N, C-alpha and C. Protein backbone atom coordinates (compact mmCIF):
# COMPACT_ATOMS: atom_id res chain seq x y z
N MET A 1 -56.51 -21.07 14.72
CA MET A 1 -56.59 -19.69 14.25
C MET A 1 -55.19 -19.53 13.29
N LEU A 2 -55.38 -19.17 12.26
CA LEU A 2 -54.37 -18.94 11.37
C LEU A 2 -54.03 -17.41 11.33
N ILE A 3 -52.85 -16.59 11.78
CA ILE A 3 -52.63 -15.31 11.35
C ILE A 3 -51.97 -15.06 10.25
N GLN A 4 -51.93 -14.51 9.24
CA GLN A 4 -51.12 -13.87 8.15
C GLN A 4 -50.52 -12.53 8.36
N THR A 5 -49.36 -12.30 8.12
CA THR A 5 -48.73 -11.21 8.35
C THR A 5 -48.31 -10.50 6.73
N ASP A 6 -48.38 -9.77 6.29
CA ASP A 6 -47.76 -9.18 5.08
C ASP A 6 -46.32 -8.71 5.60
N ILE A 7 -45.34 -9.46 5.01
CA ILE A 7 -44.19 -9.19 5.31
C ILE A 7 -43.73 -8.63 4.07
N THR A 8 -43.76 -8.08 3.04
CA THR A 8 -43.99 -7.44 1.62
C THR A 8 -42.83 -6.27 1.73
N ALA A 9 -43.62 -5.34 2.59
CA ALA A 9 -43.08 -3.95 3.46
C ALA A 9 -41.87 -3.88 3.79
N GLN A 10 -41.73 -5.33 4.84
CA GLN A 10 -40.33 -5.41 5.79
C GLN A 10 -39.20 -5.82 4.74
N LYS A 11 -39.52 -6.72 4.00
CA LYS A 11 -38.83 -7.25 2.80
C LYS A 11 -38.11 -5.83 2.16
N LYS A 12 -38.92 -5.57 1.46
CA LYS A 12 -39.13 -4.13 0.67
C LYS A 12 -37.95 -3.43 1.48
N LEU A 13 -38.13 -2.79 2.88
CA LEU A 13 -37.02 -2.03 3.47
C LEU A 13 -35.45 -2.51 3.57
N GLU A 14 -35.86 -4.21 4.22
CA GLU A 14 -34.58 -4.91 4.07
C GLU A 14 -33.53 -4.79 2.81
N ASN A 15 -34.39 -5.22 1.84
CA ASN A 15 -33.55 -4.60 0.16
C ASN A 15 -33.05 -3.26 0.31
N GLN A 16 -33.78 -2.23 0.59
CA GLN A 16 -33.29 -0.82 0.52
C GLN A 16 -32.34 -0.97 1.29
N LEU A 17 -32.04 -1.10 2.26
CA LEU A 17 -31.21 -1.09 3.42
C LEU A 17 -29.70 -2.02 3.16
N LYS A 18 -29.83 -2.94 2.38
CA LYS A 18 -28.73 -3.93 1.98
C LYS A 18 -28.21 -3.01 0.45
N PHE A 19 -29.27 -2.33 -0.07
CA PHE A 19 -28.74 -1.37 -0.99
C PHE A 19 -27.68 -0.53 -0.80
N LYS A 20 -28.42 -0.12 0.06
CA LYS A 20 -27.60 1.22 0.67
C LYS A 20 -26.16 1.21 1.22
N ALA A 21 -26.34 -0.16 1.92
CA ALA A 21 -24.70 -0.61 2.40
C ALA A 21 -23.63 -0.70 1.51
N PHE A 22 -24.25 -1.42 0.12
CA PHE A 22 -23.44 -1.84 -0.88
C PHE A 22 -23.29 -0.79 -1.64
N HIS A 23 -23.87 0.24 -2.07
CA HIS A 23 -23.81 0.91 -2.88
C HIS A 23 -23.31 2.74 -2.80
N ASP A 24 -22.87 3.29 -3.76
CA ASP A 24 -22.68 4.71 -3.09
C ASP A 24 -24.06 5.73 -3.42
N SER A 25 -24.49 6.56 -2.40
CA SER A 25 -25.71 7.34 -2.31
C SER A 25 -26.05 8.36 -3.39
N LEU A 26 -24.65 8.74 -3.98
CA LEU A 26 -24.64 10.16 -5.25
C LEU A 26 -24.60 9.39 -6.49
N THR A 27 -23.92 8.44 -6.86
CA THR A 27 -23.98 7.76 -7.95
C THR A 27 -24.45 6.53 -8.39
N GLY A 28 -25.28 5.76 -7.59
CA GLY A 28 -25.63 4.60 -6.85
C GLY A 28 -25.24 3.31 -7.87
N VAL A 29 -23.72 3.92 -8.23
CA VAL A 29 -22.97 2.57 -8.59
C VAL A 29 -22.36 1.79 -7.18
N PRO A 30 -22.10 0.70 -6.98
CA PRO A 30 -21.44 -0.17 -5.83
C PRO A 30 -20.45 0.77 -5.42
N ASN A 31 -20.09 0.39 -3.97
CA ASN A 31 -19.14 0.96 -3.15
C ASN A 31 -18.04 0.13 -2.64
N ARG A 32 -16.87 0.48 -1.88
CA ARG A 32 -15.60 -0.15 -1.61
C ARG A 32 -16.01 -1.31 -1.25
N MET A 33 -17.07 -1.51 -0.19
CA MET A 33 -17.35 -2.57 0.37
C MET A 33 -18.02 -3.83 -0.47
N MET A 34 -18.49 -3.26 -1.29
CA MET A 34 -19.08 -4.68 -2.47
C MET A 34 -18.06 -4.64 -3.42
N LEU A 35 -17.21 -3.49 -3.66
CA LEU A 35 -16.21 -4.08 -4.29
C LEU A 35 -15.01 -4.99 -3.66
N GLN A 36 -14.58 -4.98 -2.22
CA GLN A 36 -14.08 -6.04 -1.66
C GLN A 36 -14.25 -7.25 -2.06
N LYS A 37 -15.93 -7.42 -1.69
CA LYS A 37 -16.66 -8.50 -1.52
C LYS A 37 -16.36 -9.28 -3.01
N GLN A 38 -16.39 -8.49 -4.13
CA GLN A 38 -16.52 -8.98 -5.46
C GLN A 38 -14.99 -9.32 -5.79
N VAL A 39 -14.14 -8.79 -5.54
CA VAL A 39 -12.43 -9.24 -5.36
C VAL A 39 -12.08 -10.22 -4.93
N GLN A 40 -12.62 -10.50 -3.68
CA GLN A 40 -12.26 -11.87 -2.73
C GLN A 40 -13.21 -12.77 -3.15
N ALA A 41 -14.38 -12.68 -3.81
CA ALA A 41 -14.80 -13.59 -4.59
C ALA A 41 -13.91 -14.35 -5.85
N ALA A 42 -13.81 -13.33 -6.61
CA ALA A 42 -12.75 -13.20 -7.97
C ALA A 42 -11.87 -14.03 -7.78
N MET A 43 -10.86 -13.92 -6.66
CA MET A 43 -9.78 -14.72 -6.48
C MET A 43 -10.03 -16.09 -5.38
N GLU A 44 -10.84 -16.13 -4.74
CA GLU A 44 -11.27 -17.56 -4.50
C GLU A 44 -11.70 -18.38 -5.68
N GLN A 45 -12.52 -17.70 -6.78
CA GLN A 45 -12.68 -18.91 -7.95
C GLN A 45 -11.48 -18.69 -8.83
N LYS A 46 -10.11 -18.27 -8.15
CA LYS A 46 -8.90 -18.38 -9.07
C LYS A 46 -9.17 -17.47 -10.65
N GLU A 47 -9.87 -16.71 -10.51
CA GLU A 47 -9.93 -15.64 -11.95
C GLU A 47 -9.20 -14.81 -11.84
N ARG A 48 -8.64 -14.54 -13.32
CA ARG A 48 -7.68 -13.33 -13.43
C ARG A 48 -8.47 -12.60 -13.66
N PHE A 49 -8.25 -11.38 -13.34
CA PHE A 49 -8.83 -9.99 -13.55
C PHE A 49 -7.69 -9.00 -13.15
N GLY A 50 -8.84 -7.52 -13.53
CA GLY A 50 -7.71 -6.48 -13.67
C GLY A 50 -8.17 -5.24 -12.75
N LEU A 51 -7.92 -4.26 -12.18
CA LEU A 51 -8.47 -3.22 -11.05
C LEU A 51 -7.96 -1.98 -11.66
N LEU A 52 -8.88 -1.30 -12.15
CA LEU A 52 -8.34 0.17 -12.86
C LEU A 52 -8.84 1.38 -11.67
N PHE A 53 -7.89 2.27 -11.66
CA PHE A 53 -7.88 3.17 -10.16
C PHE A 53 -8.07 4.20 -11.34
N LEU A 54 -9.20 5.01 -10.59
CA LEU A 54 -9.30 6.53 -11.63
C LEU A 54 -9.73 7.71 -10.67
N ASP A 55 -9.24 8.85 -11.12
CA ASP A 55 -9.71 10.03 -10.58
C ASP A 55 -9.57 11.09 -11.58
N CYS A 56 -10.18 12.06 -11.61
CA CYS A 56 -10.60 13.09 -12.47
C CYS A 56 -9.25 14.08 -11.81
N ASP A 57 -8.21 14.51 -12.89
CA ASP A 57 -7.03 15.35 -12.55
C ASP A 57 -7.21 16.71 -11.88
N ASN A 58 -8.63 17.12 -12.49
CA ASN A 58 -8.44 18.58 -11.50
C ASN A 58 -9.85 18.51 -10.89
N PHE A 59 -10.40 17.57 -10.22
CA PHE A 59 -11.96 18.04 -9.73
C PHE A 59 -12.34 18.71 -9.04
N LYS A 60 -11.25 19.10 -8.22
CA LYS A 60 -11.41 20.50 -7.25
C LYS A 60 -11.53 21.92 -7.98
N GLU A 61 -11.42 21.86 -9.10
CA GLU A 61 -11.30 23.31 -9.88
C GLU A 61 -12.86 22.93 -10.28
N VAL A 62 -13.22 21.76 -10.80
CA VAL A 62 -14.73 21.40 -11.44
C VAL A 62 -15.65 22.34 -9.78
N ASN A 63 -15.30 21.75 -8.51
CA ASN A 63 -15.89 22.64 -7.66
C ASN A 63 -15.71 23.94 -7.35
N ASP A 64 -14.61 24.08 -7.16
CA ASP A 64 -14.29 25.71 -7.05
C ASP A 64 -15.09 26.62 -8.44
N GLN A 65 -15.01 26.22 -9.31
CA GLN A 65 -15.43 26.99 -10.41
C GLN A 65 -16.95 26.93 -10.71
N PHE A 66 -17.12 25.32 -10.47
CA PHE A 66 -18.86 25.68 -11.15
C PHE A 66 -19.74 25.34 -9.85
N GLY A 67 -19.11 25.00 -8.51
CA GLY A 67 -20.00 24.68 -7.29
C GLY A 67 -20.19 23.42 -7.19
N HIS A 68 -20.68 23.06 -6.03
CA HIS A 68 -20.53 21.84 -5.63
C HIS A 68 -21.77 20.71 -6.05
N ASP A 69 -22.70 21.65 -6.65
CA ASP A 69 -24.15 20.87 -7.24
C ASP A 69 -23.61 20.31 -8.75
N ILE A 70 -22.66 21.27 -9.32
CA ILE A 70 -22.40 20.95 -10.55
C ILE A 70 -20.95 19.77 -10.36
N GLY A 71 -20.54 19.95 -9.09
CA GLY A 71 -19.59 18.78 -9.01
C GLY A 71 -20.13 17.61 -8.74
N ASP A 72 -21.13 17.54 -7.87
CA ASP A 72 -22.03 16.07 -7.62
C ASP A 72 -22.71 15.90 -9.14
N ALA A 73 -23.13 16.48 -9.89
CA ALA A 73 -23.75 16.29 -11.04
C ALA A 73 -22.64 15.61 -12.21
N PHE A 74 -21.43 16.12 -12.20
CA PHE A 74 -20.29 15.59 -13.13
C PHE A 74 -19.78 13.91 -12.17
N LEU A 75 -19.62 14.25 -11.08
CA LEU A 75 -19.67 12.78 -10.40
C LEU A 75 -20.77 11.44 -10.93
N ILE A 76 -21.98 12.04 -11.05
CA ILE A 76 -22.81 11.20 -11.74
C ILE A 76 -22.78 10.99 -13.06
N GLN A 77 -22.33 11.72 -13.78
CA GLN A 77 -21.99 11.81 -15.14
C GLN A 77 -20.77 10.88 -15.66
N TYR A 78 -20.18 11.18 -14.68
CA TYR A 78 -18.92 10.33 -14.77
C TYR A 78 -18.83 8.94 -14.71
N ALA A 79 -19.58 8.76 -13.50
CA ALA A 79 -20.00 7.04 -13.23
C ALA A 79 -20.65 6.71 -14.25
N HIS A 80 -21.69 7.45 -15.05
CA HIS A 80 -22.38 6.65 -16.13
C HIS A 80 -21.46 6.65 -17.56
N ARG A 81 -20.38 7.50 -17.53
CA ARG A 81 -19.66 7.36 -18.67
C ARG A 81 -18.50 6.16 -18.66
N LEU A 82 -18.03 6.17 -17.56
CA LEU A 82 -17.23 4.61 -17.13
C LEU A 82 -18.46 3.36 -17.20
N THR A 83 -19.14 3.41 -16.99
CA THR A 83 -20.39 2.19 -16.76
C THR A 83 -20.79 1.91 -18.67
N SER A 84 -20.68 2.99 -19.51
CA SER A 84 -20.94 3.00 -20.60
C SER A 84 -19.76 2.31 -21.58
N CYS A 85 -18.62 2.58 -21.04
CA CYS A 85 -17.38 2.14 -21.63
C CYS A 85 -17.03 0.81 -21.36
N ILE A 86 -17.58 -0.11 -20.19
CA ILE A 86 -16.71 -1.27 -19.93
C ILE A 86 -17.92 -2.63 -20.49
N ARG A 87 -17.67 -3.69 -20.33
CA ARG A 87 -17.80 -4.75 -20.62
C ARG A 87 -19.31 -5.37 -19.66
N ALA A 88 -20.08 -5.94 -20.17
CA ALA A 88 -21.03 -6.38 -19.34
C ALA A 88 -20.84 -7.38 -18.16
N CYS A 89 -19.54 -8.13 -17.89
CA CYS A 89 -19.08 -8.42 -16.87
C CYS A 89 -18.45 -7.53 -15.93
N ASP A 90 -17.84 -6.60 -16.53
CA ASP A 90 -17.00 -5.18 -15.61
C ASP A 90 -18.40 -4.48 -14.46
N GLU A 91 -17.40 -4.30 -13.47
CA GLU A 91 -18.30 -3.31 -12.71
C GLU A 91 -17.70 -2.05 -12.44
N VAL A 92 -17.88 -1.11 -12.19
CA VAL A 92 -17.46 0.48 -11.54
C VAL A 92 -17.90 0.61 -10.21
N TYR A 93 -16.89 1.25 -9.48
CA TYR A 93 -17.30 1.08 -7.92
C TYR A 93 -16.88 2.75 -7.66
N ARG A 94 -17.49 3.17 -6.67
CA ARG A 94 -17.28 4.68 -6.35
C ARG A 94 -16.74 4.68 -4.73
N LEU A 95 -15.34 4.59 -4.64
CA LEU A 95 -14.33 4.92 -3.65
C LEU A 95 -14.73 5.58 -2.31
N GLY A 96 -15.18 7.09 -3.35
CA GLY A 96 -15.33 8.10 -2.49
C GLY A 96 -14.85 9.80 -3.50
N GLY A 97 -15.44 10.76 -2.99
CA GLY A 97 -14.77 12.32 -3.56
C GLY A 97 -14.49 11.63 -5.23
N ASP A 98 -13.54 11.54 -6.10
CA ASP A 98 -13.46 11.48 -7.33
C ASP A 98 -12.99 10.26 -7.81
N GLU A 99 -12.60 9.23 -6.65
CA GLU A 99 -11.58 8.46 -7.11
C GLU A 99 -12.79 7.17 -7.13
N PHE A 100 -12.78 6.59 -8.41
CA PHE A 100 -13.34 5.66 -8.78
C PHE A 100 -12.74 4.26 -9.14
N VAL A 101 -12.98 2.70 -9.25
CA VAL A 101 -12.51 1.75 -9.53
C VAL A 101 -13.15 0.94 -10.06
N ILE A 102 -12.72 0.12 -11.54
CA ILE A 102 -13.29 -0.58 -12.14
C ILE A 102 -12.53 -2.19 -12.19
N LEU A 103 -13.50 -2.83 -11.99
CA LEU A 103 -13.15 -4.48 -11.57
C LEU A 103 -13.44 -4.99 -13.30
N LEU A 104 -12.10 -5.50 -13.72
CA LEU A 104 -12.54 -5.97 -15.17
C LEU A 104 -12.58 -7.68 -14.93
N ARG A 105 -13.08 -7.98 -15.40
CA ARG A 105 -13.33 -9.69 -14.91
C ARG A 105 -12.94 -10.32 -16.42
N GLN A 106 -12.48 -11.63 -15.91
CA GLN A 106 -12.34 -12.68 -17.09
C GLN A 106 -11.12 -11.90 -17.71
N ILE A 107 -10.24 -11.68 -17.52
CA ILE A 107 -9.00 -10.67 -18.49
C ILE A 107 -7.94 -12.15 -18.44
N GLU A 108 -7.94 -12.71 -20.13
CA GLU A 108 -6.91 -13.53 -20.18
C GLU A 108 -5.20 -12.94 -20.23
N ARG A 109 -5.15 -11.46 -20.85
CA ARG A 109 -4.19 -11.01 -21.20
C ARG A 109 -3.83 -9.48 -20.70
N CYS A 110 -2.74 -9.01 -20.24
CA CYS A 110 -2.54 -7.27 -20.22
C CYS A 110 -3.13 -6.59 -21.19
N GLU A 111 -2.78 -7.27 -22.47
CA GLU A 111 -3.36 -5.98 -23.62
C GLU A 111 -4.81 -5.94 -23.42
N GLU A 112 -5.65 -6.88 -22.98
CA GLU A 112 -7.32 -6.66 -23.01
C GLU A 112 -7.19 -5.42 -21.59
N ILE A 113 -6.80 -5.48 -20.75
CA ILE A 113 -7.01 -4.31 -19.84
C ILE A 113 -6.59 -2.81 -20.59
N GLN A 114 -5.22 -3.00 -21.29
CA GLN A 114 -4.55 -1.80 -21.97
C GLN A 114 -5.73 -1.10 -23.02
N GLN A 115 -6.30 -2.32 -23.62
CA GLN A 115 -7.69 -1.65 -24.71
C GLN A 115 -8.86 -1.03 -23.85
N ILE A 116 -9.06 -1.72 -22.73
CA ILE A 116 -10.58 -0.86 -21.97
C ILE A 116 -9.55 0.22 -21.51
N MET A 117 -8.53 0.69 -21.06
CA MET A 117 -8.43 1.50 -20.29
C MET A 117 -8.49 2.67 -21.33
N GLU A 118 -7.86 2.67 -23.07
CA GLU A 118 -8.00 3.62 -23.72
C GLU A 118 -9.00 4.17 -24.20
N ARG A 119 -10.04 3.08 -24.18
CA ARG A 119 -11.42 3.15 -24.63
C ARG A 119 -12.17 3.92 -23.36
N ILE A 120 -11.88 3.94 -22.12
CA ILE A 120 -12.29 4.88 -20.80
C ILE A 120 -11.53 6.20 -21.23
N HIS A 121 -10.39 6.13 -21.47
CA HIS A 121 -9.42 7.18 -21.60
C HIS A 121 -9.93 8.15 -22.40
N GLY A 122 -10.17 7.97 -23.72
CA GLY A 122 -10.69 8.62 -24.77
C GLY A 122 -12.34 9.02 -24.44
N GLU A 123 -13.00 8.05 -23.62
CA GLU A 123 -14.63 8.73 -23.54
C GLU A 123 -14.62 10.08 -22.59
N LEU A 124 -13.61 9.98 -21.66
CA LEU A 124 -13.18 10.83 -20.34
C LEU A 124 -13.11 11.64 -20.81
N GLN A 125 -12.04 12.27 -22.08
CA GLN A 125 -11.50 13.46 -22.49
C GLN A 125 -12.58 14.16 -23.43
N LYS A 126 -13.69 13.90 -23.84
CA LYS A 126 -14.56 14.34 -24.27
C LYS A 126 -15.25 15.51 -23.54
N GLU A 127 -15.68 16.45 -24.23
CA GLU A 127 -16.78 17.62 -23.87
C GLU A 127 -17.53 17.28 -22.91
N TRP A 128 -17.70 18.01 -21.45
CA TRP A 128 -18.65 17.55 -20.50
C TRP A 128 -19.28 18.89 -20.80
N SER A 129 -20.74 18.61 -20.57
CA SER A 129 -21.86 19.74 -20.58
C SER A 129 -23.10 19.23 -19.46
N ILE A 130 -22.93 20.28 -18.69
CA ILE A 130 -23.92 20.27 -17.19
C ILE A 130 -24.37 21.21 -16.91
N GLU A 131 -25.84 21.49 -17.11
CA GLU A 131 -26.50 22.84 -17.23
C GLU A 131 -26.00 23.83 -17.69
N SER A 132 -25.71 23.83 -18.78
CA SER A 132 -25.20 24.71 -19.63
C SER A 132 -23.83 25.02 -19.06
N CYS A 133 -22.93 24.30 -18.05
CA CYS A 133 -21.70 24.85 -18.30
C CYS A 133 -20.85 23.62 -18.95
N ILE A 134 -19.75 24.01 -19.95
CA ILE A 134 -19.26 23.40 -20.98
C ILE A 134 -17.97 23.45 -20.16
N PHE A 135 -17.06 22.28 -19.97
CA PHE A 135 -16.02 22.27 -19.69
C PHE A 135 -15.27 20.70 -20.37
N THR A 136 -13.69 20.77 -20.22
CA THR A 136 -13.54 19.64 -20.35
C THR A 136 -12.59 18.99 -18.63
N ALA A 137 -12.55 17.79 -18.90
CA ALA A 137 -12.10 17.44 -17.54
C ALA A 137 -11.10 15.91 -17.93
N THR A 138 -10.01 15.95 -17.75
CA THR A 138 -9.07 14.76 -18.00
C THR A 138 -8.79 13.78 -16.73
N SER A 139 -8.47 12.57 -17.14
CA SER A 139 -8.66 11.71 -16.03
C SER A 139 -6.97 11.06 -16.10
N THR A 140 -6.76 10.04 -14.73
CA THR A 140 -5.51 9.22 -15.12
C THR A 140 -6.08 8.04 -14.57
N ILE A 141 -5.54 6.97 -15.24
CA ILE A 141 -6.02 5.46 -14.60
C ILE A 141 -4.79 4.89 -14.46
N GLY A 142 -4.85 4.05 -13.54
CA GLY A 142 -3.78 3.08 -13.05
C GLY A 142 -4.15 2.08 -12.97
N ALA A 143 -3.50 0.55 -13.12
CA ALA A 143 -3.79 -0.35 -13.49
C ALA A 143 -3.07 -1.64 -12.64
N ALA A 144 -3.91 -2.42 -12.08
CA ALA A 144 -3.06 -3.79 -11.52
C ALA A 144 -3.56 -5.01 -11.87
N TYR A 145 -3.33 -5.90 -11.97
CA TYR A 145 -3.40 -7.25 -12.81
C TYR A 145 -3.18 -8.30 -11.86
N TYR A 146 -4.45 -9.08 -11.49
CA TYR A 146 -3.95 -10.40 -10.37
C TYR A 146 -3.97 -11.69 -11.49
N PRO A 147 -2.96 -12.53 -10.90
CA PRO A 147 -2.37 -12.48 -9.53
C PRO A 147 -1.15 -11.61 -9.67
N GLU A 148 -0.86 -11.40 -10.79
CA GLU A 148 0.69 -10.77 -11.09
C GLU A 148 1.02 -9.57 -10.20
N ASN A 149 0.21 -8.57 -9.76
CA ASN A 149 0.69 -7.77 -8.98
C ASN A 149 0.11 -7.67 -7.64
N GLY A 150 -0.38 -8.71 -7.22
CA GLY A 150 -0.84 -8.66 -5.77
C GLY A 150 -1.84 -9.79 -5.43
N GLU A 151 -1.60 -10.28 -4.18
CA GLU A 151 -2.54 -11.50 -3.89
C GLU A 151 -3.58 -11.10 -2.71
N SER A 152 -3.87 -10.08 -2.40
CA SER A 152 -4.78 -9.80 -1.60
C SER A 152 -5.54 -8.40 -2.27
N PHE A 153 -6.83 -8.28 -2.05
CA PHE A 153 -7.78 -7.11 -2.23
C PHE A 153 -6.78 -5.78 -2.10
N GLN A 154 -6.20 -5.50 -0.67
CA GLN A 154 -5.63 -4.40 -0.42
C GLN A 154 -4.32 -4.24 -1.06
N GLU A 155 -3.50 -5.36 -1.30
CA GLU A 155 -2.07 -4.98 -2.10
C GLU A 155 -2.63 -4.62 -3.68
N LEU A 156 -3.58 -5.06 -4.16
CA LEU A 156 -4.00 -5.04 -5.72
C LEU A 156 -4.43 -3.96 -5.59
N LEU A 157 -5.61 -3.35 -4.62
CA LEU A 157 -6.00 -1.79 -4.73
C LEU A 157 -4.63 -0.65 -4.65
N LYS A 158 -3.73 -1.04 -3.81
CA LYS A 158 -2.79 -0.16 -3.09
C LYS A 158 -1.76 -0.34 -4.91
N GLN A 159 -1.68 -1.19 -5.27
CA GLN A 159 -0.64 -1.27 -6.81
C GLN A 159 -1.40 -0.34 -7.42
N ALA A 160 -2.51 -0.62 -7.98
CA ALA A 160 -3.28 0.16 -8.75
C ALA A 160 -3.35 1.62 -8.62
N ASN A 161 -3.61 1.86 -7.43
CA ASN A 161 -3.31 3.40 -6.77
C ASN A 161 -2.08 3.76 -7.15
N GLN A 162 -0.94 3.19 -6.94
CA GLN A 162 0.24 3.60 -7.02
C GLN A 162 0.52 3.68 -8.58
N ALA A 163 0.13 3.33 -9.38
CA ALA A 163 0.35 3.33 -10.74
C ALA A 163 -0.49 4.53 -11.16
N LEU A 164 -1.67 4.86 -10.75
CA LEU A 164 -2.17 6.00 -10.64
C LEU A 164 -1.62 6.99 -10.78
N TYR A 165 -0.80 6.89 -9.18
CA TYR A 165 -0.08 8.55 -8.97
C TYR A 165 0.98 8.68 -9.63
N GLU A 166 1.68 7.78 -10.07
CA GLU A 166 2.82 7.38 -10.92
C GLU A 166 2.27 8.11 -12.73
N GLY A 167 1.34 7.50 -13.10
CA GLY A 167 0.76 8.35 -14.07
C GLY A 167 0.30 9.84 -13.89
N LYS A 168 0.06 10.38 -12.90
CA LYS A 168 -0.19 11.93 -12.41
C LYS A 168 1.08 12.67 -12.46
N ARG A 169 2.27 11.69 -11.66
CA ARG A 169 3.56 12.45 -11.51
C ARG A 169 4.36 12.67 -13.11
N GLN A 170 3.77 11.83 -14.11
CA GLN A 170 4.07 11.63 -15.52
C GLN A 170 3.67 12.76 -16.11
N GLY A 171 2.82 13.93 -15.27
CA GLY A 171 1.96 14.46 -16.14
C GLY A 171 0.50 14.56 -16.37
N LYS A 172 -0.17 13.56 -15.36
CA LYS A 172 -1.92 13.49 -15.64
C LYS A 172 -2.06 13.29 -16.94
N ASN A 173 -3.57 13.06 -17.03
CA ASN A 173 -4.26 12.50 -18.28
C ASN A 173 -3.77 11.70 -19.06
N ASN A 174 -3.11 10.59 -18.13
CA ASN A 174 -2.66 9.08 -19.01
C ASN A 174 -2.80 7.95 -18.21
N VAL A 175 -2.39 6.99 -18.86
CA VAL A 175 -2.75 5.44 -18.07
C VAL A 175 -1.46 5.00 -17.79
N ASN A 176 -1.51 3.82 -16.86
CA ASN A 176 -0.18 3.68 -16.37
C ASN A 176 -0.79 2.15 -15.41
N PHE A 177 0.64 1.13 -16.27
CA PHE A 177 0.32 0.04 -15.41
C PHE A 177 1.21 -0.21 -14.06
N TYR A 178 0.97 -0.85 -13.26
CA TYR A 178 1.82 -1.16 -11.92
C TYR A 178 3.02 -1.80 -12.78
N LYS A 179 3.92 -1.39 -11.92
CA LYS A 179 5.52 -2.16 -11.97
C LYS A 179 5.90 -2.47 -10.91
N LYS A 180 6.46 -3.27 -10.67
CA LYS A 180 7.20 -3.59 -9.24
C LYS A 180 8.23 -2.90 -8.94
N ASN A 181 8.91 -2.01 -9.77
CA ASN A 181 9.95 -1.06 -9.30
C ASN A 181 9.80 0.14 -9.19
N GLN A 182 8.17 0.67 -9.39
CA GLN A 182 7.73 2.11 -9.24
C GLN A 182 7.99 2.58 -7.91
N PRO A 183 8.27 3.41 -7.49
CA PRO A 183 8.54 4.08 -6.50
C PRO A 183 7.12 4.10 -5.72
N ALA A 184 7.33 4.47 -4.50
CA ALA A 184 5.95 4.69 -3.87
C ALA A 184 5.52 6.03 -3.88
N ALA A 185 4.21 6.55 -3.55
CA ALA A 185 3.85 7.56 -3.95
C ALA A 185 3.67 8.52 -2.85
N ASP A 186 4.36 9.31 -2.62
CA ASP A 186 4.16 9.96 -1.38
C ASP A 186 2.79 10.50 -0.86
N SER A 187 2.18 10.95 -1.93
CA SER A 187 0.57 11.52 -2.12
C SER A 187 -0.24 10.58 -1.99
N ILE A 188 -0.10 9.31 -2.05
CA ILE A 188 -1.33 8.66 -1.86
C ILE A 188 -1.73 8.89 -0.37
N ASP A 189 -2.99 9.23 -0.30
CA ASP A 189 -4.12 8.96 0.60
C ASP A 189 -4.28 7.72 1.17
N LYS A 190 -3.55 7.63 2.47
CA LYS A 190 -3.56 6.23 3.22
C LYS A 190 -4.80 5.69 3.54
N GLY A 191 -5.82 6.49 4.03
CA GLY A 191 -7.44 6.06 4.24
C GLY A 191 -7.61 5.48 2.96
N SER A 192 -7.53 5.87 2.29
CA SER A 192 -8.61 5.36 0.87
C SER A 192 -7.94 4.20 0.16
N ILE A 193 -6.90 3.44 0.65
CA ILE A 193 -6.36 2.09 0.09
C ILE A 193 -6.08 1.18 1.04
N VAL A 194 -6.50 1.43 2.52
CA VAL A 194 -6.42 0.75 3.67
C VAL A 194 -7.50 -0.51 3.50
């Protein structure tokens, strides 16, 4: 006697659980776990790549002034704007809050990272309109380059984050590459970079 079991529902559930494990529930973009997995895979393949660490300069003010629903809608739109600015081989990740990282694949020269950063920076400065609320929101971007700026996921993420905070220290709303002699940022949230 042959008993057939339809495993379609089980496979669908497994795929949903896997997606949830590696993606941000609000924006739908991949999360930190997926970022780490992809960075380690790129390192194993000896690929040169860039990491951009971004956050909205005054996101707390968006939440305070317009409320958390508008803040959530802003983060969703932020993720969409970032995704629209990158190449097909690159990917946007949300670490939490208003912290995002972009993995720039197949990078041969730092100038390529600079061009992409400037395109993203320009797009993020455009006016935002969410549910009849109109506002401007600027962002600061920090960049690190593999293998020059680090040899592990944690080190690269830390260097990109440090470059971001150096950019904020210089007045926000700008782009900044990691430099070896850059002072460590006291305000870096240690939990977000480990």
